C-alpha atoms as a PDB file:
ATOM      1  CA  UNK A   1      36.796 116.577   8.102  1.00  0.00           C
ATOM      2  CA  UNK A   2      34.696 113.458   8.197  1.00  0.00           C
ATOM      3  CA  UNK A   3      36.566 110.614   6.287  1.00  0.00           C
ATOM      4  CA  UNK A   4      35.504 109.066   2.691  1.00  0.00           C
ATOM      5  CA  UNK A   5      33.294 106.351   3.430  1.00  0.00           C
ATOM      6  CA  UNK A   6      33.168 103.436   1.095  1.00  0.00           C
ATOM      7  CA  UNK A   7      30.067 100.823   1.728  1.00  0.00           C
ATOM      8  CA  UNK A   8      31.172  97.352   1.011  1.00  0.00           C
ATOM      9  CA  UNK A   9      28.192  94.796  -0.210  1.00  0.00           C
ATOM     10  CA  UNK A  10      27.401  91.566  -1.702  1.00  0.00           C
ATOM     11  CA  UNK A  11      25.922  88.708  -1.735  1.00  0.00           C
ATOM     12  CA  UNK A  12      26.430  85.783   0.261  1.00  0.00           C
ATOM     13  CA  UNK A  13      29.468  84.029  -0.722  1.00  0.00           C
ATOM     14  CA  UNK A  14      30.615  86.574  -3.366  1.00  0.00           C
ATOM     15  CA  UNK A  15      34.072  87.222  -1.237  1.00  0.00           C
ATOM     16  CA  UNK A  16      33.296  90.088   0.877  1.00  0.00           C
ATOM     17  CA  UNK A  17      35.769  89.144   3.642  1.00  0.00           C
ATOM     18  CA  UNK A  18      39.168  88.668   1.107  1.00  0.00           C
ATOM     19  CA  UNK A  19      38.123  92.027  -0.426  1.00  0.00           C
ATOM     20  CA  UNK A  20      38.345  93.451   2.400  1.00  0.00           C
ATOM     21  CA  UNK A  21      41.134  92.012   3.725  1.00  0.00           C
ATOM     22  CA  UNK A  22      42.892  93.596   0.481  1.00  0.00           C
ATOM     23  CA  UNK A  23      42.052  96.361   1.250  1.00  0.00           C
ATOM     24  CA  UNK A  24      43.224  96.022   5.259  1.00  0.00           C
ATOM     25  CA  UNK A  25      46.524  95.119   3.762  1.00  0.00           C
ATOM     26  CA  UNK A  26      46.968  99.062   2.336  1.00  0.00           C
ATOM     27  CA  UNK A  27      46.388 100.468   5.642  1.00  0.00           C
ATOM     28  CA  UNK A  28      42.823 101.303   5.057  1.00  0.00           C
ATOM     29  CA  UNK A  29      41.059 101.086   8.316  1.00  0.00           C
ATOM     30  CA  UNK A  30      37.852  98.476   8.141  1.00  0.00           C
ATOM     31  CA  UNK A  31      34.689  98.648   9.942  1.00  0.00           C
ATOM     32  CA  UNK A  32      32.876  95.015   9.479  1.00  0.00           C
ATOM     33  CA  UNK A  33      28.952  95.366  10.675  1.00  0.00           C
ATOM     34  CA  UNK A  34      28.639  91.707  11.264  1.00  0.00           C
ATOM     35  CA  UNK A  35      31.635  91.869  13.895  1.00  0.00           C
ATOM     36  CA  UNK A  36      30.064  94.343  15.271  1.00  0.00           C
ATOM     37  CA  UNK A  37      26.357  92.815  15.530  1.00  0.00           C
ATOM     38  CA  UNK A  38      28.134  89.752  17.635  1.00  0.00           C
ATOM     39  CA  UNK A  39      28.997  92.483  20.003  1.00  0.00           C
ATOM     40  CA  UNK A  40      26.540  94.574  20.787  1.00  0.00           C
ATOM     41  CA  UNK A  41      24.592  90.906  21.601  1.00  0.00           C
ATOM     42  CA  UNK A  42      27.353  89.726  24.432  1.00  0.00           C
ATOM     43  CA  UNK A  43      26.265  89.850  27.874  1.00  0.00           C
ATOM     44  CA  UNK A  44      25.973  93.053  29.800  1.00  0.00           C
ATOM     45  CA  UNK A  45      25.340  94.930  26.636  1.00  0.00           C
ATOM     46  CA  UNK A  46      22.151  96.797  26.784  1.00  0.00           C
ATOM     47  CA  UNK A  47      20.997  95.203  23.073  1.00  0.00           C
ATOM     48  CA  UNK A  48      20.909  91.708  24.501  1.00  0.00           C
ATOM     49  CA  UNK A  49      18.882  92.951  27.402  1.00  0.00           C
ATOM     50  CA  UNK A  50      16.229  94.408  25.111  1.00  0.00           C
ATOM     51  CA  UNK A  51      16.506  90.980  22.625  1.00  0.00           C
ATOM     52  CA  UNK A  52      15.628  89.116  26.009  1.00  0.00           C
ATOM     53  CA  UNK A  53      13.145  91.589  27.163  1.00  0.00           C
ATOM     54  CA  UNK A  54      11.398  91.375  23.433  1.00  0.00           C
ATOM     55  CA  UNK A  55      11.499  87.323  23.037  1.00  0.00           C
ATOM     56  CA  UNK A  56      12.138  86.009  26.124  1.00  0.00           C
ATOM     57  CA  UNK A  57      14.999  84.157  27.951  1.00  0.00           C
ATOM     58  CA  UNK A  58      14.498  81.236  25.983  1.00  0.00           C
ATOM     59  CA  UNK A  59      16.847  83.055  23.620  1.00  0.00           C
ATOM     60  CA  UNK A  60      19.544  82.598  25.882  1.00  0.00           C
ATOM     61  CA  UNK A  61      22.180  80.255  26.426  1.00  0.00           C
ATOM     62  CA  UNK A  62      23.196  78.664  29.539  1.00  0.00           C
ATOM     63  CA  UNK A  63      25.989  80.811  29.296  1.00  0.00           C
ATOM     64  CA  UNK A  64      24.065  83.623  28.915  1.00  0.00           C
ATOM     65  CA  UNK A  65      24.982  84.246  25.556  1.00  0.00           C
ATOM     66  CA  UNK A  66      22.862  84.979  22.714  1.00  0.00           C
ATOM     67  CA  UNK A  67      21.143  81.083  21.410  1.00  0.00           C
ATOM     68  CA  UNK A  68      21.433  82.865  17.862  1.00  0.00           C
ATOM     69  CA  UNK A  69      19.543  79.380  16.278  1.00  0.00           C
ATOM     70  CA  UNK A  70      17.187  79.225  18.750  1.00  0.00           C
ATOM     71  CA  UNK A  71      16.074  83.068  17.877  1.00  0.00           C
ATOM     72  CA  UNK A  72      16.521  82.496  14.305  1.00  0.00           C
ATOM     73  CA  UNK A  73      13.730  80.146  14.697  1.00  0.00           C
ATOM     74  CA  UNK A  74      11.918  81.775  16.874  1.00  0.00           C
ATOM     75  CA  UNK A  75      11.798  84.801  14.184  1.00  0.00           C
ATOM     76  CA  UNK A  76      11.738  82.678  11.312  1.00  0.00           C
ATOM     77  CA  UNK A  77       8.251  83.445   8.796  1.00  0.00           C
ATOM     78  CA  UNK A  78       7.719  86.171  11.459  1.00  0.00           C
ATOM     79  CA  UNK A  79       7.797  89.116   9.413  1.00  0.00           C
ATOM     80  CA  UNK A  80       6.745  91.704  12.922  1.00  0.00           C
ATOM     81  CA  UNK A  81       9.204  89.807  14.894  1.00  0.00           C
ATOM     82  CA  UNK A  82      11.731  90.373  12.557  1.00  0.00           C
ATOM     83  CA  UNK A  83      10.648  94.014  12.594  1.00  0.00           C
ATOM     84  CA  UNK A  84      11.031  93.983  15.863  1.00  0.00           C
ATOM     85  CA  UNK A  85      14.539  92.284  16.332  1.00  0.00           C
ATOM     86  CA  UNK A  86      15.744  94.505  13.638  1.00  0.00           C
ATOM     87  CA  UNK A  87      14.149  97.736  15.809  1.00  0.00           C
ATOM     88  CA  UNK A  88      16.705  96.765  18.192  1.00  0.00           C
ATOM     89  CA  UNK A  89      20.134  95.624  16.917  1.00  0.00           C
ATOM     90  CA  UNK A  90      19.863  98.216  13.970  1.00  0.00           C
ATOM     91  CA  UNK A  91      20.114 101.128  15.850  1.00  0.00           C
ATOM     92  CA  UNK A  92      23.199  99.445  18.338  1.00  0.00           C
ATOM     93  CA  UNK A  93      24.728  98.322  15.123  1.00  0.00           C
ATOM     94  CA  UNK A  94      24.670 102.039  13.445  1.00  0.00           C
ATOM     95  CA  UNK A  95      25.845 103.508  16.651  1.00  0.00           C
ATOM     96  CA  UNK A  96      28.914 101.336  17.197  1.00  0.00           C
ATOM     97  CA  UNK A  97      29.447 101.929  13.667  1.00  0.00           C
ATOM     98  CA  UNK A  98      29.613 105.118  13.664  1.00  0.00           C
ATOM     99  CA  UNK A  99      32.232 105.252  17.187  1.00  0.00           C
ATOM    100  CA  UNK A 100      34.419 103.063  15.370  1.00  0.00           C
ATOM    101  CA  UNK A 101      34.071 105.411  12.494  1.00  0.00           C
ATOM    102  CA  UNK A 102      35.352 108.283  14.523  1.00  0.00           C
ATOM    103  CA  UNK A 103      38.204 106.725  15.800  1.00  0.00           C
ATOM    104  CA  UNK A 104      39.662 104.633  12.791  1.00  0.00           C
ATOM    105  CA  UNK A 105      40.850 107.977  11.338  1.00  0.00           C
ATOM    106  CA  UNK A 106      42.567 107.124   7.821  1.00  0.00           C
ATOM    107  CA  UNK A 107      42.504 108.377   4.359  1.00  0.00           C
ATOM    108  CA  UNK A 108      39.080 107.012   3.586  1.00  0.00           C
ATOM    109  CA  UNK A 109      37.230 104.119   5.688  1.00  0.00           C
ATOM    110  CA  UNK A 110      35.878 100.918   4.384  1.00  0.00           C
ATOM    111  CA  UNK A 111      32.924  99.697   6.505  1.00  0.00           C
ATOM    112  CA  UNK A 112      31.394  96.204   5.344  1.00  0.00           C
ATOM    113  CA  UNK A 113      28.067  96.196   5.447  1.00  0.00           C
ATOM    114  CA  UNK A 114      26.224  93.009   3.807  1.00  0.00           C
ATOM    115  CA  UNK A 115      22.780  94.237   4.121  1.00  0.00           C
ATOM    116  CA  UNK A 116      23.374  97.737   2.874  1.00  0.00           C
ATOM    117  CA  UNK A 117      20.624  96.987  -0.670  1.00  0.00           C
ATOM    118  CA  UNK A 118      17.855  95.284   1.968  1.00  0.00           C
ATOM    119  CA  UNK A 119      18.230  98.247   4.443  1.00  0.00           C
ATOM    120  CA  UNK A 120      17.725 100.924   1.547  1.00  0.00           C
ATOM    121  CA  UNK A 121      19.989 103.801   2.840  1.00  0.00           C
ATOM    122  CA  UNK A 122      23.741 104.836   1.360  1.00  0.00           C
ATOM    123  CA  UNK A 123      22.928 108.765   3.072  1.00  0.00           C
ATOM    124  CA  UNK A 124      25.893 107.615   5.597  1.00  0.00           C
ATOM    125  CA  UNK A 125      28.076 106.662   2.605  1.00  0.00           C
ATOM    126  CA  UNK A 126      30.036 108.202   0.242  1.00  0.00           C
ATOM    127  CA  UNK A 127      30.536 105.541  -2.533  1.00  0.00           C
ATOM    128  CA  UNK A 128      28.930 102.195  -2.666  1.00  0.00           C
ATOM    129  CA  UNK A 129      30.919  99.141  -3.562  1.00  0.00           C
ATOM    130  CA  UNK A 130      29.805  95.560  -4.523  1.00  0.00           C
ATOM    131  CA  UNK A 131      31.424  92.714  -5.245  1.00  0.00           C
ATOM    132  CA  UNK A 132      29.422  90.254  -7.348  1.00  0.00           C
ATOM    133  CA  UNK A 133      29.423  86.891  -8.388  1.00  0.00           C
ATOM    134  CA  UNK A 134      27.038  84.940 -10.814  1.00  0.00           C
ATOM    135  CA  UNK A 135      24.566  83.408  -8.580  1.00  0.00           C
ATOM    136  CA  UNK A 136      25.641  80.152  -9.403  1.00  0.00           C
ATOM    137  CA  UNK A 137      29.008  81.048  -8.233  1.00  0.00           C
ATOM    138  CA  UNK A 138      27.627  82.114  -4.931  1.00  0.00           C
ATOM    139  CA  UNK A 139      25.284  78.624  -4.637  1.00  0.00           C
ATOM    140  CA  UNK A 140      28.118  77.034  -5.191  1.00  0.00           C
ATOM    141  CA  UNK A 141      30.156  78.435  -3.043  1.00  0.00           C
ATOM    142  CA  UNK A 142      27.689  78.896  -0.244  1.00  0.00           C
ATOM    143  CA  UNK A 143      27.190  74.660  -0.485  1.00  0.00           C
ATOM    144  CA  UNK A 144      30.869  73.962  -0.268  1.00  0.00           C
ATOM    145  CA  UNK A 145      31.702  76.192   2.360  1.00  0.00           C
ATOM    146  CA  UNK A 146      28.951  75.743   4.553  1.00  0.00           C
ATOM    147  CA  UNK A 147      28.964  72.371   3.416  1.00  0.00           C
ATOM    148  CA  UNK A 148      24.736  72.666   3.373  1.00  0.00           C
ATOM    149  CA  UNK A 149      22.478  71.246   0.522  1.00  0.00           C
ATOM    150  CA  UNK A 150      22.412  72.693  -2.891  1.00  0.00           C
ATOM    151  CA  UNK A 151      18.771  73.788  -1.896  1.00  0.00           C
ATOM    152  CA  UNK A 152      19.389  75.564   1.295  1.00  0.00           C
ATOM    153  CA  UNK A 153      22.090  77.581  -0.510  1.00  0.00           C
ATOM    154  CA  UNK A 154      19.421  78.738  -3.119  1.00  0.00           C
ATOM    155  CA  UNK A 155      16.915  79.524  -0.227  1.00  0.00           C
ATOM    156  CA  UNK A 156      19.594  81.810   1.098  1.00  0.00           C
ATOM    157  CA  UNK A 157      19.884  83.847  -2.003  1.00  0.00           C
ATOM    158  CA  UNK A 158      16.141  84.135  -2.271  1.00  0.00           C
ATOM    159  CA  UNK A 159      16.478  85.447   1.596  1.00  0.00           C
ATOM    160  CA  UNK A 160      19.235  88.760   0.236  1.00  0.00           C
ATOM    161  CA  UNK A 161      18.400  91.612  -2.339  1.00  0.00           C
ATOM    162  CA  UNK A 162      18.921  90.398  -6.011  1.00  0.00           C
ATOM    163  CA  UNK A 163      21.967  90.747  -7.568  1.00  0.00           C
ATOM    164  CA  UNK A 164      20.729  93.221 -10.648  1.00  0.00           C
ATOM    165  CA  UNK A 165      19.308  95.249  -7.366  1.00  0.00           C
ATOM    166  CA  UNK A 166      22.734  95.409  -5.310  1.00  0.00           C
ATOM    167  CA  UNK A 167      24.559  96.432  -9.568  1.00  0.00           C
ATOM    168  CA  UNK A 168      21.717  99.188  -9.557  1.00  0.00           C
ATOM    169  CA  UNK A 169      22.545 100.062  -6.242  1.00  0.00           C
ATOM    170  CA  UNK A 170      27.132  99.767  -6.658  1.00  0.00           C
ATOM    171  CA  UNK A 171      29.319 103.059  -7.769  1.00  0.00           C
ATOM    172  CA  UNK A 172      31.971 100.808  -8.127  1.00  0.00           C
ATOM    173  CA  UNK A 173      31.748  96.644  -8.910  1.00  0.00           C
ATOM    174  CA  UNK A 174      34.199  94.244  -8.353  1.00  0.00           C
ATOM    175  CA  UNK A 175      33.770  91.126 -10.050  1.00  0.00           C
ATOM    176  CA  UNK A 176      35.345  88.092  -7.809  1.00  0.00           C
ATOM    177  CA  UNK A 177      34.862  85.454 -10.651  1.00  0.00           C
ATOM    178  CA  UNK A 178      38.868  85.418 -11.525  1.00  0.00           C
ATOM    179  CA  UNK A 179      42.115  84.631  -9.460  1.00  0.00           C
ATOM    180  CA  UNK A 180      43.602  86.463  -6.468  1.00  0.00           C
ATOM    181  CA  UNK A 181      46.161  88.457  -8.781  1.00  0.00           C
ATOM    182  CA  UNK A 182      43.220  89.959 -10.913  1.00  0.00           C
ATOM    183  CA  UNK A 183      41.021  90.801  -7.367  1.00  0.00           C
ATOM    184  CA  UNK A 184      44.202  92.132  -6.119  1.00  0.00           C
ATOM    185  CA  UNK A 185      44.812  94.665  -9.028  1.00  0.00           C
ATOM    186  CA  UNK A 186      41.399  95.462  -8.974  1.00  0.00           C
ATOM    187  CA  UNK A 187      41.526  96.421  -5.260  1.00  0.00           C
ATOM    188  CA  UNK A 188      44.602  98.478  -6.008  1.00  0.00           C
ATOM    189  CA  UNK A 189      43.298 100.150  -8.816  1.00  0.00           C
ATOM    190  CA  UNK A 190      40.168 101.389  -6.696  1.00  0.00           C
ATOM    191  CA  UNK A 191      42.204 102.479  -3.367  1.00  0.00           C
ATOM    192  CA  UNK A 192      44.112 104.380  -5.499  1.00  0.00           C
ATOM    193  CA  UNK A 193      40.543 106.150  -7.052  1.00  0.00           C
ATOM    194  CA  UNK A 194      39.676 106.208  -3.380  1.00  0.00           C
ATOM    195  CA  UNK A 195      42.677 107.808  -2.020  1.00  0.00           C
ATOM    196  CA  UNK A 196      42.384 110.765  -4.485  1.00  0.00           C
ATOM    197  CA  UNK A 197      38.955 111.028  -3.429  1.00  0.00           C
ATOM    198  CA  UNK A 198      39.249 110.812  -0.065  1.00  0.00           C
ATOM    199  CA  UNK A 199      41.226 113.116   2.681  1.00  0.00           C
ATOM    200  CA  UNK A 200      44.880 112.876   2.799  1.00  0.00           C
ATOM    201  CA  UNK A 201      46.513 111.807   6.017  1.00  0.00           C
ATOM    202  CA  UNK A 202      48.981 113.912   7.469  1.00  0.00           C
ATOM    203  CA  UNK A 203      51.708 111.406   6.115  1.00  0.00           C
ATOM    204  CA  UNK A 204      52.549 110.620   2.783  1.00  0.00           C
ATOM    205  CA  UNK A 205      49.765 108.406   1.299  1.00  0.00           C
ATOM    206  CA  UNK A 206      49.278 105.374   1.923  1.00  0.00           C
ATOM    207  CA  UNK A 207      50.235 102.859  -0.804  1.00  0.00           C
END
């Protein structure tokens, strides 16, 4: 039986990592596509070789690893280049995500997919959970977290799907504007719901 899969998404600096960690403490397998995106371009991986073939050896650092800032500079403002990069990386990320999902088990699984809405597809998950905060809060958190000017934080938000688009995509929403206790309560509520929806493990249900 295929696992019941919940896609966790949200805008930058919305608190996805914190929410995912709260689900993980309940024994829920968490598969993070941001982590996978770094893994598939490690030295020796086919996706890295394909990136180098498409964009040149200048995207590699002296250590043979992908120089992400240099690659970002090369594709910045170039829609065709970005599409070429996505055509290389997205299938590799999707394949590794599916491999990890098959191996993970669990009563249900949480798939962290930050750009789910931008990709426009949800056929590979059963439910979409959006972590939501006001855009002003995102900007404040991002500027503080990354030490960047407000203008740069605002530009990062504009590069993503709008808050309205994410909420329209959602089956469930976590409003991450309160304290940790409120977040814990909402995660616990959703966890119970997903346990009811998903296939049960042979052992007692995870609490």
